[in-house]
Amino acid sequence: MTGQTDDLWEEDPRIIELPEATVLAKQVSEVAVGKRIRDVVAAKSPHKFAWYYGDPKAYRSLLSGKTIEAAVGHGGLVEITVGDAVLLFGDGVILRFSPKGKELPDKHQLRIGFEDGSSLVASVQMYGGLWAFPAGGFDNKYYRTAKEKSSPLADAFNGTYFEVLFDEKTERLSLKAFLATEQRIPGLGNGVLQDILFNAKMHPKKKSSLSEKDKKELLNSLKTTLTRMAADGGRDTESDLYGRQGGYKTILSRNTVGKPCPVCGTIIKKEAYMGGSIYFCSACQKI
């Protein structure tokens, strides 16, 4: 689930983190709200790591005939309200909109067909959650936490809110562990973490026992970086509802490793750390 940090999250090119969830929810709202579901096909292509709620065969009766009412991003999850039911996508799900007349892919893990002939098609590359359930019926701690906690894109995520995340236990953690584990900030994973820390001029291995000045710098970078990522349509390592690459050009990612730092020219490095990878400029980001 969103907020975990391991090598699957790092290497899979399609991972929904906060900016992508925001973008996908906005696009689903624009293209699908008000549409009535005609048919549902779930688990057409068996996948060991496609996670469903209960029996996917029950999705048809749960969703058919109902109308898409809203779509919202919660952390790294995309929540779609369908009458008295909910569709929830997260993790490594590839979500696409297919207009009427466009040939549908042969393999997919969920297809929502609308009365106008268009479809939402979801597939899983490595692993991912495609949950459909009665509203209020999915008691999942990651989902619950993502809905309850404030988003870094909201005004409520301010200095006072951020300060509460720090305590005696977190002082021993690296900044990567502090920011991207334990759902402290839902939707902030190993992907978006890299540029947040670069813009704050902090190394991922730096301890999170920060001065008040450093906390302000980190908070400012966290909010401005994530806002920019969402505003630009997500990161260029990901893709949107139409399969288009995100418009935000990552500073630190698999796209830039081995290239000169845009600030100082030092070659960007990649290291294995905490079961995944970190990217950094050794000159700009000091431990």
C-alpha atoms as a PDB file:
ATOM      1  CA  MET A   1       0.000   0.000   0.000  1.00  0.00           C
ATOM      2  CA  THR A   2       0.940   3.631  -0.420  1.00  0.00           C
ATOM      3  CA  GLY A   3       3.682   4.944   1.817  1.00  0.00           C
ATOM      4  CA  GLN A   4       5.674   1.718   1.943  1.00  0.00           C
ATOM      5  CA  THR A   5       9.231   1.709   0.660  1.00  0.00           C
ATOM      6  CA  ASP A   6      10.665  -1.336  -1.048  1.00  0.00           C
ATOM      7  CA  ASP A   7      12.273  -2.197  -4.346  1.00  0.00           C
ATOM      8  CA  LEU A   8       8.959  -2.993  -6.035  1.00  0.00           C
ATOM      9  CA  TRP A   9       7.763   0.529  -5.411  1.00  0.00           C
ATOM     10  CA  GLU A  10      11.071   1.860  -6.655  1.00  0.00           C
ATOM     11  CA  GLU A  11      11.426  -0.091  -9.883  1.00  0.00           C
ATOM     12  CA  ASP A  12       7.806  -0.300 -11.102  1.00  0.00           C
ATOM     13  CA  PRO A  13       7.362   2.641 -13.493  1.00  0.00           C
ATOM     14  CA  ARG A  14       3.689   3.000 -12.630  1.00  0.00           C
ATOM     15  CA  ILE A  15       3.198   3.676  -8.965  1.00  0.00           C
ATOM     16  CA  ILE A  16       0.395   5.895  -7.725  1.00  0.00           C
ATOM     17  CA  GLU A  17       1.714   8.407  -5.204  1.00  0.00           C
ATOM     18  CA  LEU A  18       0.037  11.597  -4.058  1.00  0.00           C
ATOM     19  CA  PRO A  19       0.537  13.708  -7.231  1.00  0.00           C
ATOM     20  CA  GLU A  20      -0.651  10.924  -9.517  1.00  0.00           C
ATOM     21  CA  ALA A  21      -3.684  10.132  -7.345  1.00  0.00           C
ATOM     22  CA  THR A  22      -4.618  13.819  -7.486  1.00  0.00           C
ATOM     23  CA  VAL A  23      -4.258  13.941 -11.261  1.00  0.00           C
ATOM     24  CA  LEU A  24      -6.114  10.666 -11.900  1.00  0.00           C
ATOM     25  CA  ALA A  25      -9.009  11.661  -9.632  1.00  0.00           C
ATOM     26  CA  LYS A  26      -9.353  14.996 -11.417  1.00  0.00           C
ATOM     27  CA  GLN A  27      -9.342  13.300 -14.827  1.00  0.00           C
ATOM     28  CA  VAL A  28     -11.867  10.650 -13.770  1.00  0.00           C
ATOM     29  CA  SER A  29     -14.088  13.472 -12.483  1.00  0.00           C
ATOM     30  CA  GLU A  30     -13.884  15.235 -15.836  1.00  0.00           C
ATOM     31  CA  VAL A  31     -14.535  12.214 -18.025  1.00  0.00           C
ATOM     32  CA  ALA A  32     -16.675   9.798 -16.004  1.00  0.00           C
ATOM     33  CA  VAL A  33     -18.827  11.630 -13.451  1.00  0.00           C
ATOM     34  CA  GLY A  34     -22.480  11.348 -14.453  1.00  0.00           C
ATOM     35  CA  LYS A  35     -21.942   8.223 -16.531  1.00  0.00           C
ATOM     36  CA  ARG A  36     -24.007   5.111 -15.859  1.00  0.00           C
ATOM     37  CA  ILE A  37     -22.255   1.757 -15.670  1.00  0.00           C
ATOM     38  CA  ARG A  38     -23.517  -0.793 -18.172  1.00  0.00           C
ATOM     39  CA  ASP A  39     -21.230  -3.737 -17.521  1.00  0.00           C
ATOM     40  CA  VAL A  40     -18.321  -4.817 -15.338  1.00  0.00           C
ATOM     41  CA  VAL A  41     -15.631  -7.371 -16.104  1.00  0.00           C
ATOM     42  CA  ALA A  42     -13.368  -8.275 -13.185  1.00  0.00           C
ATOM     43  CA  ALA A  43     -10.430 -10.679 -13.049  1.00  0.00           C
ATOM     44  CA  LYS A  44     -10.581 -11.394 -16.794  1.00  0.00           C
ATOM     45  CA  SER A  45      -6.828 -11.910 -16.787  1.00  0.00           C
ATOM     46  CA  PRO A  46      -5.753 -13.791 -13.639  1.00  0.00           C
ATOM     47  CA  HIS A  47      -2.981 -12.066 -11.717  1.00  0.00           C
ATOM     48  CA  LYS A  48      -1.524 -13.401  -8.494  1.00  0.00           C
ATOM     49  CA  PHE A  49      -0.900  -9.950  -7.089  1.00  0.00           C
ATOM     50  CA  ALA A  50      -4.105  -8.218  -8.163  1.00  0.00           C
ATOM     51  CA  TRP A  51      -5.938  -7.571  -4.918  1.00  0.00           C
ATOM     52  CA  TYR A  52      -9.743  -7.474  -4.877  1.00  0.00           C
ATOM     53  CA  TYR A  53     -12.367  -6.955  -2.202  1.00  0.00           C
ATOM     54  CA  GLY A  54     -14.018 -10.297  -1.669  1.00  0.00           C
ATOM     55  CA  ASP A  55     -15.025 -12.166  -4.818  1.00  0.00           C
ATOM     56  CA  PRO A  56     -14.356 -10.076  -7.951  1.00  0.00           C
ATOM     57  CA  LYS A  57     -17.226 -11.891  -9.657  1.00  0.00           C
ATOM     58  CA  ALA A  58     -19.557  -9.941  -7.354  1.00  0.00           C
ATOM     59  CA  TYR A  59     -18.370  -6.612  -8.778  1.00  0.00           C
ATOM     60  CA  ARG A  60     -20.867  -6.843 -11.646  1.00  0.00           C
ATOM     61  CA  SER A  61     -23.937  -6.958  -9.425  1.00  0.00           C
ATOM     62  CA  LEU A  62     -22.476  -4.377  -7.037  1.00  0.00           C
ATOM     63  CA  LEU A  63     -21.727  -1.743  -9.695  1.00  0.00           C
ATOM     64  CA  SER A  64     -23.887  -2.343 -12.782  1.00  0.00           C
ATOM     65  CA  GLY A  65     -26.654   0.199 -13.323  1.00  0.00           C
ATOM     66  CA  LYS A  66     -25.088   2.729 -10.955  1.00  0.00           C
ATOM     67  CA  THR A  67     -23.704   6.155 -11.799  1.00  0.00           C
ATOM     68  CA  ILE A  68     -20.272   7.615 -11.153  1.00  0.00           C
ATOM     69  CA  GLU A  69     -20.794  10.473  -8.707  1.00  0.00           C
ATOM     70  CA  ALA A  70     -17.345  11.675  -7.702  1.00  0.00           C
ATOM     71  CA  ALA A  71     -13.625  10.898  -7.735  1.00  0.00           C
ATOM     72  CA  VAL A  72     -11.157  12.007  -5.070  1.00  0.00           C
ATOM     73  CA  GLY A  73      -7.498  11.341  -4.323  1.00  0.00           C
ATOM     74  CA  HIS A  74      -6.661  10.258  -0.791  1.00  0.00           C
ATOM     75  CA  GLY A  75      -2.905  10.014  -0.344  1.00  0.00           C
ATOM     76  CA  GLY A  76      -1.849   7.569  -3.061  1.00  0.00           C
ATOM     77  CA  LEU A  77      -5.355   6.125  -3.532  1.00  0.00           C
ATOM     78  CA  VAL A  78      -8.023   7.051  -6.070  1.00  0.00           C
ATOM     79  CA  GLU A  79     -11.528   6.788  -4.598  1.00  0.00           C
ATOM     80  CA  ILE A  80     -14.502   6.757  -6.990  1.00  0.00           C
ATOM     81  CA  THR A  81     -18.031   7.004  -5.591  1.00  0.00           C
ATOM     82  CA  VAL A  82     -20.509   4.835  -7.511  1.00  0.00           C
ATOM     83  CA  GLY A  83     -23.943   5.312  -5.991  1.00  0.00           C
ATOM     84  CA  ASP A  84     -23.895   3.443  -2.687  1.00  0.00           C
ATOM     85  CA  ALA A  85     -20.634   1.698  -3.583  1.00  0.00           C
ATOM     86  CA  VAL A  86     -16.978   2.678  -3.875  1.00  0.00           C
ATOM     87  CA  LEU A  87     -14.244   1.856  -6.373  1.00  0.00           C
ATOM     88  CA  LEU A  88     -10.754   2.221  -4.937  1.00  0.00           C
ATOM     89  CA  PHE A  89      -7.485   2.026  -6.846  1.00  0.00           C
ATOM     90  CA  GLY A  90      -3.987   2.129  -5.439  1.00  0.00           C
ATOM     91  CA  ASP A  91      -0.458   0.773  -5.492  1.00  0.00           C
ATOM     92  CA  GLY A  92       0.674  -0.326  -8.946  1.00  0.00           C
ATOM     93  CA  VAL A  93      -2.645  -0.088 -10.787  1.00  0.00           C
ATOM     94  CA  ILE A  94      -2.527   1.300 -14.324  1.00  0.00           C
ATOM     95  CA  LEU A  95      -5.831   3.127 -14.845  1.00  0.00           C
ATOM     96  CA  ARG A  96      -6.870   4.161 -18.359  1.00  0.00           C
ATOM     97  CA  PHE A  97      -9.874   5.777 -20.037  1.00  0.00           C
ATOM     98  CA  SER A  98     -10.969   4.186 -23.299  1.00  0.00           C
ATOM     99  CA  PRO A  99     -13.418   6.211 -25.436  1.00  0.00           C
ATOM    100  CA  LYS A 100     -16.166   4.600 -27.511  1.00  0.00           C
ATOM    101  CA  GLY A 101     -14.765   2.789 -30.529  1.00  0.00           C
ATOM    102  CA  LYS A 102     -11.260   2.366 -29.211  1.00  0.00           C
ATOM    103  CA  GLU A 103     -10.033  -1.219 -29.126  1.00  0.00           C
ATOM    104  CA  LEU A 104      -9.774  -2.481 -25.557  1.00  0.00           C
ATOM    105  CA  PRO A 105      -6.684  -4.338 -24.340  1.00  0.00           C
ATOM    106  CA  ASP A 106      -6.902  -8.128 -24.319  1.00  0.00           C
ATOM    107  CA  LYS A 107      -5.545  -8.362 -20.801  1.00  0.00           C
ATOM    108  CA  HIS A 108      -6.820  -6.370 -17.844  1.00  0.00           C
ATOM    109  CA  GLN A 109      -7.883  -6.969 -14.257  1.00  0.00           C
ATOM    110  CA  LEU A 110     -10.974  -4.724 -14.234  1.00  0.00           C
ATOM    111  CA  ARG A 111     -13.087  -2.986 -16.871  1.00  0.00           C
ATOM    112  CA  ILE A 112     -15.936  -0.630 -16.099  1.00  0.00           C
ATOM    113  CA  GLY A 113     -18.055  -0.168 -19.229  1.00  0.00           C
ATOM    114  CA  PHE A 114     -20.398   2.819 -19.503  1.00  0.00           C
ATOM    115  CA  GLU A 115     -23.673   3.169 -21.411  1.00  0.00           C
ATOM    116  CA  ASP A 116     -22.072   5.599 -23.887  1.00  0.00           C
ATOM    117  CA  GLY A 117     -19.593   2.916 -24.979  1.00  0.00           C
ATOM    118  CA  SER A 118     -16.559   4.301 -23.140  1.00  0.00           C
ATOM    119  CA  SER A 119     -14.703   2.409 -20.410  1.00  0.00           C
ATOM    120  CA  LEU A 120     -12.351   2.692 -17.485  1.00  0.00           C
ATOM    121  CA  VAL A 121      -9.793  -0.094 -17.728  1.00  0.00           C
ATOM    122  CA  ALA A 122      -7.479  -1.074 -14.876  1.00  0.00           C
ATOM    123  CA  SER A 123      -4.537  -3.431 -15.126  1.00  0.00           C
ATOM    124  CA  VAL A 124      -1.798  -4.547 -12.784  1.00  0.00           C
ATOM    125  CA  GLN A 125       1.820  -4.817 -13.867  1.00  0.00           C
ATOM    126  CA  MET A 126       3.510  -6.079 -10.708  1.00  0.00           C
ATOM    127  CA  TYR A 127       0.908  -5.751  -7.959  1.00  0.00           C
ATOM    128  CA  GLY A 128      -1.989  -3.475  -7.114  1.00  0.00           C
ATOM    129  CA  GLY A 129      -5.352  -3.031  -5.420  1.00  0.00           C
ATOM    130  CA  LEU A 130      -8.644  -2.854  -7.341  1.00  0.00           C
ATOM    131  CA  TRP A 131     -11.299  -2.802  -4.655  1.00  0.00           C
ATOM    132  CA  ALA A 132     -15.057  -2.429  -5.115  1.00  0.00           C
ATOM    133  CA  PHE A 133     -17.214  -2.504  -1.998  1.00  0.00           C
ATOM    134  CA  PRO A 134     -20.365  -1.085  -0.380  1.00  0.00           C
ATOM    135  CA  ALA A 135     -19.705   2.389   1.016  1.00  0.00           C
ATOM    136  CA  GLY A 136     -18.251   2.059   4.496  1.00  0.00           C
ATOM    137  CA  GLY A 137     -17.590  -1.636   4.058  1.00  0.00           C
ATOM    138  CA  PHE A 138     -13.819  -1.655   3.586  1.00  0.00           C
ATOM    139  CA  ASP A 139     -12.048  -1.501   6.938  1.00  0.00           C
ATOM    140  CA  ASN A 140      -8.470  -1.108   5.746  1.00  0.00           C
ATOM    141  CA  LYS A 141      -6.008   0.866   7.859  1.00  0.00           C
ATOM    142  CA  TYR A 142      -4.170   2.383   4.891  1.00  0.00           C
ATOM    143  CA  TYR A 143      -7.416   3.565   3.315  1.00  0.00           C
ATOM    144  CA  ARG A 144      -8.727   4.833   6.645  1.00  0.00           C
ATOM    145  CA  THR A 145      -5.485   6.677   7.433  1.00  0.00           C
ATOM    146  CA  ALA A 146      -5.307   8.244   3.973  1.00  0.00           C
ATOM    147  CA  LYS A 147      -8.816   9.637   4.418  1.00  0.00           C
ATOM    148  CA  GLU A 148      -8.286  10.841   7.976  1.00  0.00           C
ATOM    149  CA  LYS A 149      -4.907  12.566   7.677  1.00  0.00           C
ATOM    150  CA  SER A 150      -4.392  15.988   6.161  1.00  0.00           C
ATOM    151  CA  SER A 151      -2.901  16.192   2.671  1.00  0.00           C
ATOM    152  CA  PRO A 152       0.311  18.187   2.108  1.00  0.00           C
ATOM    153  CA  LEU A 153      -1.642  19.949  -0.646  1.00  0.00           C
ATOM    154  CA  ALA A 154      -4.073  21.361   1.939  1.00  0.00           C
ATOM    155  CA  ASP A 155      -3.619  24.528   4.003  1.00  0.00           C
ATOM    156  CA  ALA A 156      -4.195  22.473   7.167  1.00  0.00           C
ATOM    157  CA  PHE A 157      -0.854  20.751   6.563  1.00  0.00           C
ATOM    158  CA  ASN A 158       1.084  23.601   8.151  1.00  0.00           C
ATOM    159  CA  GLY A 159       3.983  24.027  10.544  1.00  0.00           C
ATOM    160  CA  THR A 160       1.910  23.053  13.561  1.00  0.00           C
ATOM    161  CA  TYR A 161       0.657  19.891  11.857  1.00  0.00           C
ATOM    162  CA  PHE A 162       4.143  18.974  10.635  1.00  0.00           C
ATOM    163  CA  GLU A 163       5.718  19.459  14.065  1.00  0.00           C
ATOM    164  CA  VAL A 164       3.406  16.837  15.590  1.00  0.00           C
ATOM    165  CA  LEU A 165       4.921  14.184  13.294  1.00  0.00           C
ATOM    166  CA  PHE A 166       8.260  14.503  15.077  1.00  0.00           C
ATOM    167  CA  ASP A 167       8.882  12.753  18.395  1.00  0.00           C
ATOM    168  CA  GLU A 168      11.622  10.934  20.294  1.00  0.00           C
ATOM    169  CA  LYS A 169      11.240   7.807  18.169  1.00  0.00           C
ATOM    170  CA  THR A 170      11.485   9.607  14.821  1.00  0.00           C
ATOM    171  CA  GLU A 171      14.722  11.353  15.837  1.00  0.00           C
ATOM    172  CA  ARG A 172      16.563   8.083  15.255  1.00  0.00           C
ATOM    173  CA  LEU A 173      15.146   7.635  11.766  1.00  0.00           C
ATOM    174  CA  SER A 174      16.645   8.757   8.495  1.00  0.00           C
ATOM    175  CA  LEU A 175      14.632  11.301   6.524  1.00  0.00           C
ATOM    176  CA  LYS A 176      13.645   8.615   4.044  1.00  0.00           C
ATOM    177  CA  ALA A 177      12.288   6.438   6.832  1.00  0.00           C
ATOM    178  CA  PHE A 178      10.591   9.397   8.512  1.00  0.00           C
ATOM    179  CA  LEU A 179       8.848  10.726   5.415  1.00  0.00           C
ATOM    180  CA  ALA A 180       8.001   7.577   3.496  1.00  0.00           C
ATOM    181  CA  THR A 181       7.065   4.888   6.028  1.00  0.00           C
ATOM    182  CA  GLU A 182       4.365   4.217   8.629  1.00  0.00           C
ATOM    183  CA  GLN A 183       1.806   6.315   6.738  1.00  0.00           C
ATOM    184  CA  ARG A 184       2.975   9.481   8.464  1.00  0.00           C
ATOM    185  CA  ILE A 185       2.187  11.301   5.239  1.00  0.00           C
ATOM    186  CA  PRO A 186      -0.118   9.139   3.086  1.00  0.00           C
ATOM    187  CA  GLY A 187       0.833   9.195  -0.576  1.00  0.00           C
ATOM    188  CA  LEU A 188       4.412  10.281   0.044  1.00  0.00           C
ATOM    189  CA  GLY A 189       6.493   7.327  -1.110  1.00  0.00           C
ATOM    190  CA  ASN A 190      10.000   6.655  -2.306  1.00  0.00           C
ATOM    191  CA  GLY A 191       9.313   8.239  -5.689  1.00  0.00           C
ATOM    192  CA  VAL A 192       8.299  11.786  -4.724  1.00  0.00           C
ATOM    193  CA  LEU A 193      10.663  11.670  -1.748  1.00  0.00           C
ATOM    194  CA  GLN A 194      13.757  12.162  -3.921  1.00  0.00           C
ATOM    195  CA  ASP A 195      12.962  15.643  -5.256  1.00  0.00           C
ATOM    196  CA  ILE A 196      11.489  16.806  -1.946  1.00  0.00           C
ATOM    197  CA  LEU A 197      14.825  16.152  -0.252  1.00  0.00           C
ATOM    198  CA  PHE A 198      16.847  17.568  -3.139  1.00  0.00           C
ATOM    199  CA  ASN A 199      14.926  20.835  -3.005  1.00  0.00           C
ATOM    200  CA  ALA A 200      15.417  20.929   0.768  1.00  0.00           C
ATOM    201  CA  LYS A 201      19.166  20.244   0.283  1.00  0.00           C
ATOM    202  CA  MET A 202      18.961  17.235   2.596  1.00  0.00           C
ATOM    203  CA  HIS A 203      20.356  13.733   2.115  1.00  0.00           C
ATOM    204  CA  PRO A 204      17.912  10.773   2.377  1.00  0.00           C
ATOM    205  CA  LYS A 205      20.161   9.207   5.050  1.00  0.00           C
ATOM    206  CA  LYS A 206      20.249  12.371   7.165  1.00  0.00           C
ATOM    207  CA  LYS A 207      18.708  11.852  10.604  1.00  0.00           C
ATOM    208  CA  SER A 208      15.339  13.472  11.184  1.00  0.00           C
ATOM    209  CA  SER A 209      16.448  15.169  14.408  1.00  0.00           C
ATOM    210  CA  LEU A 210      16.207  18.534  12.664  1.00  0.00           C
ATOM    211  CA  SER A 211      16.582  22.100  13.857  1.00  0.00           C
ATOM    212  CA  GLU A 212      13.530  24.348  13.667  1.00  0.00           C
ATOM    213  CA  LYS A 213      15.048  26.047  10.629  1.00  0.00           C
ATOM    214  CA  ASP A 214      15.573  22.713   8.871  1.00  0.00           C
ATOM    215  CA  LYS A 215      12.013  21.653   9.667  1.00  0.00           C
ATOM    216  CA  LYS A 216      10.709  24.806   8.013  1.00  0.00           C
ATOM    217  CA  GLU A 217      12.910  24.194   4.978  1.00  0.00           C
ATOM    218  CA  LEU A 218      11.723  20.606   4.709  1.00  0.00           C
ATOM    219  CA  LEU A 219       8.054  21.534   5.106  1.00  0.00           C
ATOM    220  CA  ASN A 220       8.342  24.231   2.467  1.00  0.00           C
ATOM    221  CA  SER A 221      10.025  21.818   0.044  1.00  0.00           C
ATOM    222  CA  LEU A 222       7.480  19.093   0.773  1.00  0.00           C
ATOM    223  CA  LYS A 223       4.494  21.312   0.040  1.00  0.00           C
ATOM    224  CA  THR A 224       5.902  23.202  -2.949  1.00  0.00           C
ATOM    225  CA  THR A 225       7.381  20.112  -4.623  1.00  0.00           C
ATOM    226  CA  LEU A 226       4.210  18.032  -4.310  1.00  0.00           C
ATOM    227  CA  THR A 227       2.061  20.976  -5.431  1.00  0.00           C
ATOM    228  CA  ARG A 228       4.223  21.439  -8.511  1.00  0.00           C
ATOM    229  CA  MET A 229       4.136  17.713  -9.311  1.00  0.00           C
ATOM    230  CA  ALA A 230       0.339  17.638  -9.145  1.00  0.00           C
ATOM    231  CA  ALA A 231      -0.076  20.897 -11.082  1.00  0.00           C
ATOM    232  CA  ASP A 232       2.174  19.596 -13.870  1.00  0.00           C
ATOM    233  CA  GLY A 233       0.154  16.402 -14.334  1.00  0.00           C
ATOM    234  CA  GLY A 234       2.303  14.050 -12.262  1.00  0.00           C
ATOM    235  CA  ARG A 235       5.899  12.948 -12.604  1.00  0.00           C
ATOM    236  CA  ASP A 236       7.578  12.078 -15.898  1.00  0.00           C
ATOM    237  CA  THR A 237       8.224   8.577 -14.540  1.00  0.00           C
ATOM    238  CA  GLU A 238       4.448   7.962 -14.434  1.00  0.00           C
ATOM    239  CA  SER A 239       1.477   8.304 -16.775  1.00  0.00           C
ATOM    240  CA  ASP A 240      -2.056   9.660 -16.523  1.00  0.00           C
ATOM    241  CA  LEU A 241      -5.561   8.385 -17.361  1.00  0.00           C
ATOM    242  CA  TYR A 242      -4.832   8.725 -21.086  1.00  0.00           C
ATOM    243  CA  GLY A 243      -1.414   7.090 -21.001  1.00  0.00           C
ATOM    244  CA  ARG A 244       0.409  10.396 -21.272  1.00  0.00           C
ATOM    245  CA  GLN A 245       3.681  10.930 -19.433  1.00  0.00           C
ATOM    246  CA  GLY A 246       3.487  13.350 -16.510  1.00  0.00           C
ATOM    247  CA  GLY A 247       4.674  16.889 -17.186  1.00  0.00           C
ATOM    248  CA  TYR A 248       6.786  17.263 -14.061  1.00  0.00           C
ATOM    249  CA  LYS A 249      10.435  16.636 -14.947  1.00  0.00           C
ATOM    250  CA  THR A 250      12.010  14.751 -12.059  1.00  0.00           C
ATOM    251  CA  ILE A 251      15.343  16.016 -10.785  1.00  0.00           C
ATOM    252  CA  LEU A 252      16.255  12.727  -9.098  1.00  0.00           C
ATOM    253  CA  SER A 253      14.913   9.490 -10.573  1.00  0.00           C
ATOM    254  CA  ARG A 254      15.882   6.595 -12.807  1.00  0.00           C
ATOM    255  CA  ASN A 255      15.597   9.125 -15.661  1.00  0.00           C
ATOM    256  CA  THR A 256      18.408  11.290 -14.311  1.00  0.00           C
ATOM    257  CA  VAL A 257      20.837   8.954 -12.528  1.00  0.00           C
ATOM    258  CA  GLY A 258      24.328   9.311 -14.008  1.00  0.00           C
ATOM    259  CA  LYS A 259      23.543  12.778 -15.350  1.00  0.00           C
ATOM    260  CA  PRO A 260      24.896  16.101 -14.032  1.00  0.00           C
ATOM    261  CA  CYS A 261      23.055  17.779 -11.159  1.00  0.00           C
ATOM    262  CA  PRO A 262      21.133  20.765 -12.603  1.00  0.00           C
ATOM    263  CA  VAL A 263      22.431  22.979  -9.774  1.00  0.00           C
ATOM    264  CA  CYS A 264      26.130  22.140  -9.414  1.00  0.00           C
ATOM    265  CA  GLY A 265      26.989  19.662 -12.163  1.00  0.00           C
ATOM    266  CA  THR A 266      27.943  16.791  -9.849  1.00  0.00           C
ATOM    267  CA  ILE A 267      26.883  13.411 -11.240  1.00  0.00           C
ATOM    268  CA  ILE A 268      23.642  12.161  -9.688  1.00  0.00           C
ATOM    269  CA  LYS A 269      24.134   8.912  -7.792  1.00  0.00           C
ATOM    270  CA  LYS A 270      21.932   5.942  -6.999  1.00  0.00           C
ATOM    271  CA  GLU A 271      22.371   3.708  -3.955  1.00  0.00           C
ATOM    272  CA  ALA A 272      20.506   0.787  -2.446  1.00  0.00           C
ATOM    273  CA  TYR A 273      18.963   1.798   0.866  1.00  0.00           C
ATOM    274  CA  MET A 274      16.154   0.454   3.052  1.00  0.00           C
ATOM    275  CA  GLY A 275      15.206  -2.264   0.598  1.00  0.00           C
ATOM    276  CA  GLY A 276      14.913   0.167  -2.306  1.00  0.00           C
ATOM    277  CA  SER A 277      16.958   2.892  -3.937  1.00  0.00           C
ATOM    278  CA  ILE A 278      17.823   6.499  -3.248  1.00  0.00           C
ATOM    279  CA  TYR A 279      19.021   9.146  -5.690  1.00  0.00           C
ATOM    280  CA  PHE A 280      21.033  12.163  -4.607  1.00  0.00           C
ATOM    281  CA  CYS A 281      23.634  14.787  -5.416  1.00  0.00           C
ATOM    282  CA  SER A 282      26.529  14.316  -3.016  1.00  0.00           C
ATOM    283  CA  ALA A 283      27.487  18.000  -3.304  1.00  0.00           C
ATOM    284  CA  CYS A 284      24.055  19.575  -2.824  1.00  0.00           C
ATOM    285  CA  GLN A 285      22.730  17.088  -0.275  1.00  0.00           C
ATOM    286  CA  LYS A 286      24.970  16.649   2.728  1.00  0.00           C
ATOM    287  CA  ILE A 287      24.353  14.027   5.407  1.00  0.00           C
END
